[in-house]
Structures are given as structure tokens and as C-alpha cells.
Amino acid sequence: MNNGIFDTHAHYDHERYDYIRHAILSGMPELGVSLILNCGSNEDSSGFSVQLANEYPFVYAAAGIHPHEAARAAPGWEERIKQLLYDTKAVAVGEIGLDYYYNISDTASQKKVFVSLLELAVCSDLPVVIHDRDAHEDILSIIKEYSPKGVLHRFSGTMDMALELVDLGFYLGFGCSLTYDNADNERKIAAEIPVDRILLETDCPYLPPLQLRNELCRSDMISFAAEVISTLRPGYSSEQITDIARENGKRLFSI
């Protein structure tokens, strides 16, 4: 078990944690988890994230509209998200971005919401947590236009894109999917980018490690991701990767 874990992308507001949420979260410190960033997907989950952050001292919140939710965002959502971000435990705008794989929301709605939230983040001097699925070109182009600071969650782009994002000051998020058989691209990028640009995350309740694929994902399972990265980077132990990623996250989110 690693100590000092910072899970920079969690969804403990998810209904799969109903009835067991407090038991799981209250036990995280004993399992080596020192910090969690809970990311909102819509107005309700963003509000719940802020509520959780105020209930648990080691939990922080990100508020935003996920691309799947973009077309359903109710009028006035911008002001309501902005109000949530005034909370002292709200440290980022997210989860936001573009998803052209599922296209649950139309492209125009996704782009409109994404750009509005990037503008809010830049004006508020807050980092962003970006979701990118099969939208690499548009994501990179928009980032260059608005120049936010932040992290690409569960990075799935090319090596060239990864290096360009690093040059722009971005961080890249890696999780337990590094243990999957089809994660060669993720592992290659995790092995090559500077270690001071790596963040660790779970996206829980999704994406448990391969070894625990039938379990509900939890923040302490990040140890599996740290172990994979340590095998890819000679000279670093799993504990060192965990420590470096924690300090990277604290720096980005001003914690």
C-alpha cells in the first residue's frame, strides 16, 4: 500500500456509492489516500462535489459540465456553476471537454459549453480538468486559443500531442487503465513525458485495475497505476511516483 495518494479525478457523487459513500470516504486516509479531487459532471453533481468537499477535509471539488451533459444544460447554468466555484474547497473547473466517440450531446453544444467554461476558468484563474475522447484536434486547438492551465484526464492522444501539451504547461492524468492489455499507448506516454507533468487519478467508480476488474473502483487503487509507471521508468519506485504525482497535483490545484 502506498501512502500520500492524491486521486486527482474521482466521482464519489455517483449513485453507485449511495449507501456506502461515507464508509468508503471515511476509510480513505487509513488506506493511504491523503487528497481527492471530486469532479462534477453537471450542475447537480458539481453541487454534490462541493458538499462532499466541505464534509471531508481531504476532499476538494471541481465544478463543471461534462460534454455528455452539454445539450441538457439548463438556461443560466453558467452563473450557477460560477457561484459554486466561489466556495473555498472548489479548486478547478471540470469535468469539461469534448467527446466525439459517444456524441451524446451534439458537437455544437459541446463546443459552446466547453468554451464558456474555459473562459470562466481563465477569468477565475482556476485550472481545468479536461475530458477528451476522439476530439484531439479540436481540444488542442481550443486550448491554444484560450491558454488555460490544467490537466488532460485519462490522456489518450498521440505522443506528439502529449509533448505539445507539456510544452503548453499542461499535466496529463493516468489511472488504473494502465494495467489493461490495450493500454500500450498510455503506457508509452507515461514512460516518456517529464515526471513533473504526471498526475494520478482513478475516474472511480469506473476503471478499476485489471487485477480487481470486478470491484468498484476506489482512490487507494491508484497504487496499481503508480506501480506500472515505476516499472516503465527505471530509478523510480512506486512510492516515489505517488509522491511526485501528489506534489504535481497540489501545485496545479493550489492545495
Protein backbone atom coordinates (compact mmCIF):
# COMPACT_ATOMS: atom_id res chain seq x y z
CA MET A 1 0.00 0.00 0.00
CA ASN A 2 1.29 3.44 -0.97
CA ASN A 3 0.79 6.46 1.27
CA GLY A 4 0.18 10.07 0.32
CA ILE A 5 -2.05 9.27 -2.67
CA PHE A 6 -3.72 12.20 -4.44
CA ASP A 7 -6.60 10.98 -6.59
CA THR A 8 -6.99 13.93 -8.96
CA HIS A 9 -10.15 12.65 -10.65
CA ALA A 10 -12.94 10.90 -8.76
CA HIS A 11 -16.74 10.76 -8.90
CA TYR A 12 -17.86 9.86 -5.39
CA ASP A 13 -21.12 11.66 -6.09
CA HIS A 14 -22.04 8.75 -8.39
CA GLU A 15 -25.13 6.74 -7.45
CA ARG A 16 -23.07 3.54 -7.26
CA TYR A 17 -21.71 4.88 -3.97
CA ASP A 18 -25.14 5.51 -2.48
CA TYR A 19 -25.42 3.87 0.97
CA ILE A 20 -21.67 3.10 1.10
CA ARG A 21 -20.23 6.57 0.33
CA HIS A 22 -19.43 7.57 3.91
CA ALA A 23 -17.93 4.18 4.74
CA ILE A 24 -15.62 4.38 1.73
CA LEU A 25 -14.57 8.02 2.08
CA SER A 26 -14.07 7.94 5.83
CA GLY A 27 -11.74 4.96 5.39
CA MET A 28 -9.56 6.52 2.69
CA PRO A 29 -6.89 8.03 4.99
CA GLU A 30 -6.23 4.62 6.55
CA LEU A 31 -5.68 3.25 3.04
CA GLY A 32 -3.02 5.82 2.21
CA VAL A 33 -5.18 8.41 0.45
CA SER A 34 -4.38 11.95 1.54
CA LEU A 35 -6.24 14.01 -1.11
CA ILE A 36 -9.14 13.54 -3.52
CA LEU A 37 -10.48 15.86 -6.22
CA ASN A 38 -14.13 15.07 -6.90
CA CYS A 39 -15.16 16.25 -10.36
CA GLY A 40 -18.64 17.40 -11.29
CA SER A 41 -20.44 16.26 -14.44
CA ASN A 42 -23.43 18.61 -14.36
CA GLU A 43 -24.95 21.20 -12.02
CA ASP A 44 -26.26 18.64 -9.53
CA SER A 45 -23.09 16.58 -9.31
CA SER A 46 -20.96 19.73 -9.13
CA GLY A 47 -23.03 20.90 -6.18
CA PHE A 48 -22.72 17.48 -4.56
CA SER A 49 -18.95 17.59 -5.11
CA VAL A 50 -18.71 20.89 -3.25
CA GLN A 51 -20.86 19.42 -0.47
CA LEU A 52 -18.56 16.40 -0.14
CA ALA A 53 -15.52 18.67 -0.11
CA ASN A 54 -16.94 20.59 2.83
CA GLU A 55 -17.75 17.36 4.68
CA TYR A 56 -14.33 15.69 4.33
CA PRO A 57 -11.19 17.78 4.92
CA PHE A 58 -9.12 15.79 2.40
CA VAL A 59 -11.68 16.14 -0.41
CA TYR A 60 -11.70 19.05 -2.86
CA ALA A 61 -14.16 19.82 -5.65
CA ALA A 62 -14.22 20.69 -9.34
CA ALA A 63 -17.40 22.12 -10.82
CA GLY A 64 -18.33 21.87 -14.48
CA ILE A 65 -20.46 20.39 -17.25
CA HIS A 66 -19.30 17.12 -18.87
CA PRO A 67 -19.61 17.03 -22.69
CA HIS A 68 -22.29 14.33 -22.39
CA GLU A 69 -24.40 16.84 -20.42
CA ALA A 70 -23.78 19.87 -22.63
CA ALA A 71 -27.03 19.75 -24.63
CA ARG A 72 -29.05 19.35 -21.40
CA ALA A 73 -27.53 22.32 -19.57
CA ALA A 74 -30.43 24.48 -18.35
CA PRO A 75 -30.53 28.22 -19.07
CA GLY A 76 -28.50 30.14 -16.51
CA TRP A 77 -26.13 27.25 -15.84
CA GLU A 78 -23.06 29.47 -16.28
CA GLU A 79 -23.95 31.68 -13.33
CA ARG A 80 -24.83 28.71 -11.13
CA ILE A 81 -21.52 26.96 -11.85
CA LYS A 82 -19.75 30.25 -11.20
CA GLN A 83 -21.41 30.51 -7.79
CA LEU A 84 -20.22 27.01 -6.87
CA LEU A 85 -16.67 27.98 -7.74
CA TYR A 86 -16.69 30.73 -5.11
CA ASP A 87 -16.52 28.02 -2.44
CA THR A 88 -13.06 27.78 -0.89
CA LYS A 89 -12.97 24.00 -1.44
CA ALA A 90 -13.71 24.36 -5.18
CA VAL A 91 -10.27 24.37 -6.82
CA ALA A 92 -10.91 23.60 -10.51
CA VAL A 93 -13.36 23.78 -13.39
CA GLY A 94 -14.24 20.28 -14.50
CA GLU A 95 -15.01 17.82 -15.81
CA ILE A 96 -15.29 19.63 -19.13
CA GLY A 97 -14.28 18.93 -22.70
CA LEU A 98 -15.35 17.19 -25.90
CA ASP A 99 -16.45 13.61 -26.61
CA TYR A 100 -16.83 12.67 -30.27
CA TYR A 101 -16.87 8.94 -29.54
CA TYR A 102 -20.33 8.78 -27.97
CA ASN A 103 -21.67 12.14 -29.24
CA ILE A 104 -24.40 12.05 -26.59
CA SER A 105 -24.57 15.83 -26.95
CA ASP A 106 -24.27 17.42 -30.37
CA THR A 107 -20.90 18.87 -31.32
CA ALA A 108 -22.09 22.47 -31.36
CA SER A 109 -23.45 22.24 -27.81
CA GLN A 110 -20.28 20.54 -26.60
CA LYS A 111 -18.06 23.26 -28.04
CA LYS A 112 -20.24 26.08 -26.75
CA VAL A 113 -20.25 24.77 -23.18
CA PHE A 114 -16.56 23.87 -23.28
CA VAL A 115 -15.52 27.32 -24.45
CA SER A 116 -17.77 29.06 -21.91
CA LEU A 117 -16.21 27.05 -19.08
CA LEU A 118 -12.68 27.66 -20.33
CA GLU A 119 -13.40 31.39 -20.35
CA LEU A 120 -14.74 31.13 -16.79
CA ALA A 121 -11.66 29.21 -15.67
CA VAL A 122 -9.24 31.70 -17.20
CA CYS A 123 -11.11 34.67 -15.74
CA SER A 124 -11.20 32.96 -12.32
CA ASP A 125 -7.54 31.85 -12.53
CA LEU A 126 -8.60 28.25 -11.94
CA PRO A 127 -7.21 25.12 -13.62
CA VAL A 128 -9.39 22.92 -15.82
CA VAL A 129 -9.93 19.15 -15.84
CA ILE A 130 -10.46 18.20 -19.48
CA HIS A 131 -12.19 15.14 -20.95
CA ASP A 132 -11.05 14.31 -24.49
CA ARG A 133 -12.39 11.35 -26.40
CA ASP A 134 -11.70 11.22 -30.13
CA ALA A 135 -11.58 15.03 -30.20
CA HIS A 136 -7.83 15.55 -30.04
CA GLU A 137 -7.51 18.13 -32.82
CA ASP A 138 -10.30 20.35 -31.56
CA ILE A 139 -9.20 20.04 -27.93
CA LEU A 140 -5.63 21.10 -28.75
CA SER A 141 -6.78 23.95 -30.98
CA ILE A 142 -9.13 25.34 -28.32
CA ILE A 143 -6.53 25.01 -25.57
CA LYS A 144 -4.09 27.01 -27.69
CA GLU A 145 -6.71 29.69 -28.27
CA TYR A 146 -7.73 30.18 -24.63
CA SER A 147 -4.49 29.24 -22.82
CA PRO A 148 -5.92 27.69 -19.65
CA LYS A 149 -3.86 25.76 -17.14
CA GLY A 150 -4.93 22.24 -16.29
CA VAL A 151 -4.86 18.52 -16.92
CA LEU A 152 -5.97 16.22 -19.74
CA HIS A 153 -7.83 13.48 -17.88
CA ARG A 154 -7.04 9.88 -18.92
CA PHE A 155 -4.89 11.09 -21.76
CA SER A 156 -5.46 9.10 -24.98
CA GLY A 157 -3.82 11.25 -27.65
CA THR A 158 -0.58 10.80 -29.55
CA MET A 159 2.94 11.27 -28.25
CA ASP A 160 3.26 14.44 -30.33
CA MET A 161 0.11 15.84 -28.72
CA ALA A 162 1.35 14.87 -25.27
CA LEU A 163 4.64 16.67 -25.76
CA GLU A 164 2.89 19.73 -27.18
CA LEU A 165 0.56 19.88 -24.16
CA VAL A 166 3.52 19.58 -21.82
CA ASP A 167 5.16 22.49 -23.64
CA LEU A 168 1.95 24.46 -23.04
CA GLY A 169 2.26 23.76 -19.30
CA PHE A 170 -0.41 21.06 -19.10
CA TYR A 171 -0.41 17.94 -16.95
CA LEU A 172 -1.57 14.50 -18.12
CA GLY A 173 -3.69 12.18 -15.99
CA PHE A 174 -3.04 8.42 -15.74
CA GLY A 175 -5.01 5.82 -13.85
CA CYS A 176 -5.60 2.14 -13.35
CA SER A 177 -6.33 1.66 -17.05
CA LEU A 178 -2.53 1.49 -17.38
CA THR A 179 -2.92 -2.12 -16.23
CA TYR A 180 -5.17 -3.03 -19.19
CA ASP A 181 -3.91 -5.12 -22.11
CA ASN A 182 -4.96 -2.46 -24.65
CA ALA A 183 -3.17 0.42 -22.89
CA ASP A 184 0.11 0.32 -24.82
CA ASN A 185 -0.26 3.96 -25.94
CA GLU A 186 -0.99 5.19 -22.40
CA ARG A 187 1.98 3.27 -21.04
CA LYS A 188 4.29 4.62 -23.74
CA ILE A 189 3.35 8.22 -22.96
CA ALA A 190 3.55 7.69 -19.19
CA ALA A 191 7.07 6.40 -19.75
CA GLU A 192 8.24 9.37 -21.81
CA ILE A 193 6.77 12.65 -20.54
CA PRO A 194 8.53 14.54 -17.73
CA VAL A 195 7.58 13.14 -14.33
CA ASP A 196 6.70 16.64 -13.12
CA ARG A 197 3.76 16.59 -15.55
CA ILE A 198 2.19 13.30 -14.38
CA LEU A 199 -0.98 13.20 -12.28
CA LEU A 200 -2.55 10.04 -10.87
CA GLU A 201 -6.31 9.51 -10.95
CA THR A 202 -8.97 6.81 -10.85
CA ASP A 203 -12.15 8.15 -12.53
CA CYS A 204 -13.86 6.00 -9.90
CA PRO A 205 -16.31 4.28 -9.80
CA TYR A 206 -15.06 3.45 -13.31
CA LEU A 207 -11.84 1.78 -14.46
CA PRO A 208 -10.64 -0.42 -11.58
CA PRO A 209 -7.27 -2.10 -12.15
CA LEU A 210 -7.26 -5.27 -14.22
CA GLN A 211 -6.41 -7.31 -11.13
CA LEU A 212 -9.64 -6.07 -9.43
CA ARG A 213 -11.81 -5.66 -12.51
CA ASN A 214 -14.98 -6.90 -10.81
CA GLU A 215 -14.73 -4.44 -7.91
CA LEU A 216 -15.98 -0.90 -7.51
CA CYS A 217 -13.02 1.39 -8.10
CA ARG A 218 -11.64 3.40 -5.13
CA SER A 219 -8.91 6.02 -4.74
CA ASP A 220 -6.48 3.69 -2.96
CA MET A 221 -6.32 1.55 -6.12
CA ILE A 222 -4.09 4.25 -7.63
CA SER A 223 -1.22 2.22 -6.18
CA PHE A 224 -1.64 -0.13 -9.16
CA ALA A 225 -1.12 2.74 -11.62
CA ALA A 226 1.90 4.02 -9.70
CA GLU A 227 3.40 0.53 -9.80
CA VAL A 228 3.02 0.32 -13.58
CA ILE A 229 4.66 3.73 -14.07
CA SER A 230 7.55 2.75 -11.80
CA THR A 231 8.22 -0.31 -13.96
CA LEU A 232 8.26 1.93 -17.04
CA ARG A 233 10.66 4.44 -15.50
CA PRO A 234 13.82 2.84 -14.05
CA GLY A 235 15.06 4.64 -10.99
CA TYR A 236 11.62 5.46 -9.61
CA SER A 237 9.80 3.35 -7.05
CA SER A 238 6.02 3.16 -6.87
CA GLU A 239 6.14 5.27 -3.70
CA GLN A 240 8.25 7.93 -5.42
CA ILE A 241 5.83 8.14 -8.35
CA THR A 242 2.97 8.52 -5.87
CA ASP A 243 4.82 11.30 -4.04
CA ILE A 244 5.78 13.15 -7.22
CA ALA A 245 2.25 12.95 -8.63
CA ARG A 246 0.80 14.22 -5.35
CA GLU A 247 3.07 17.25 -5.33
CA ASN A 248 2.28 17.88 -9.01
CA GLY A 249 -1.43 17.86 -8.19
CA LYS A 250 -1.04 20.12 -5.19
CA ARG A 251 0.89 22.58 -7.35
CA LEU A 252 -1.70 22.59 -10.14
CA PHE A 253 -4.72 22.89 -7.87
CA SER A 254 -3.06 25.25 -5.35
CA ILE A 255 -3.66 22.92 -2.39
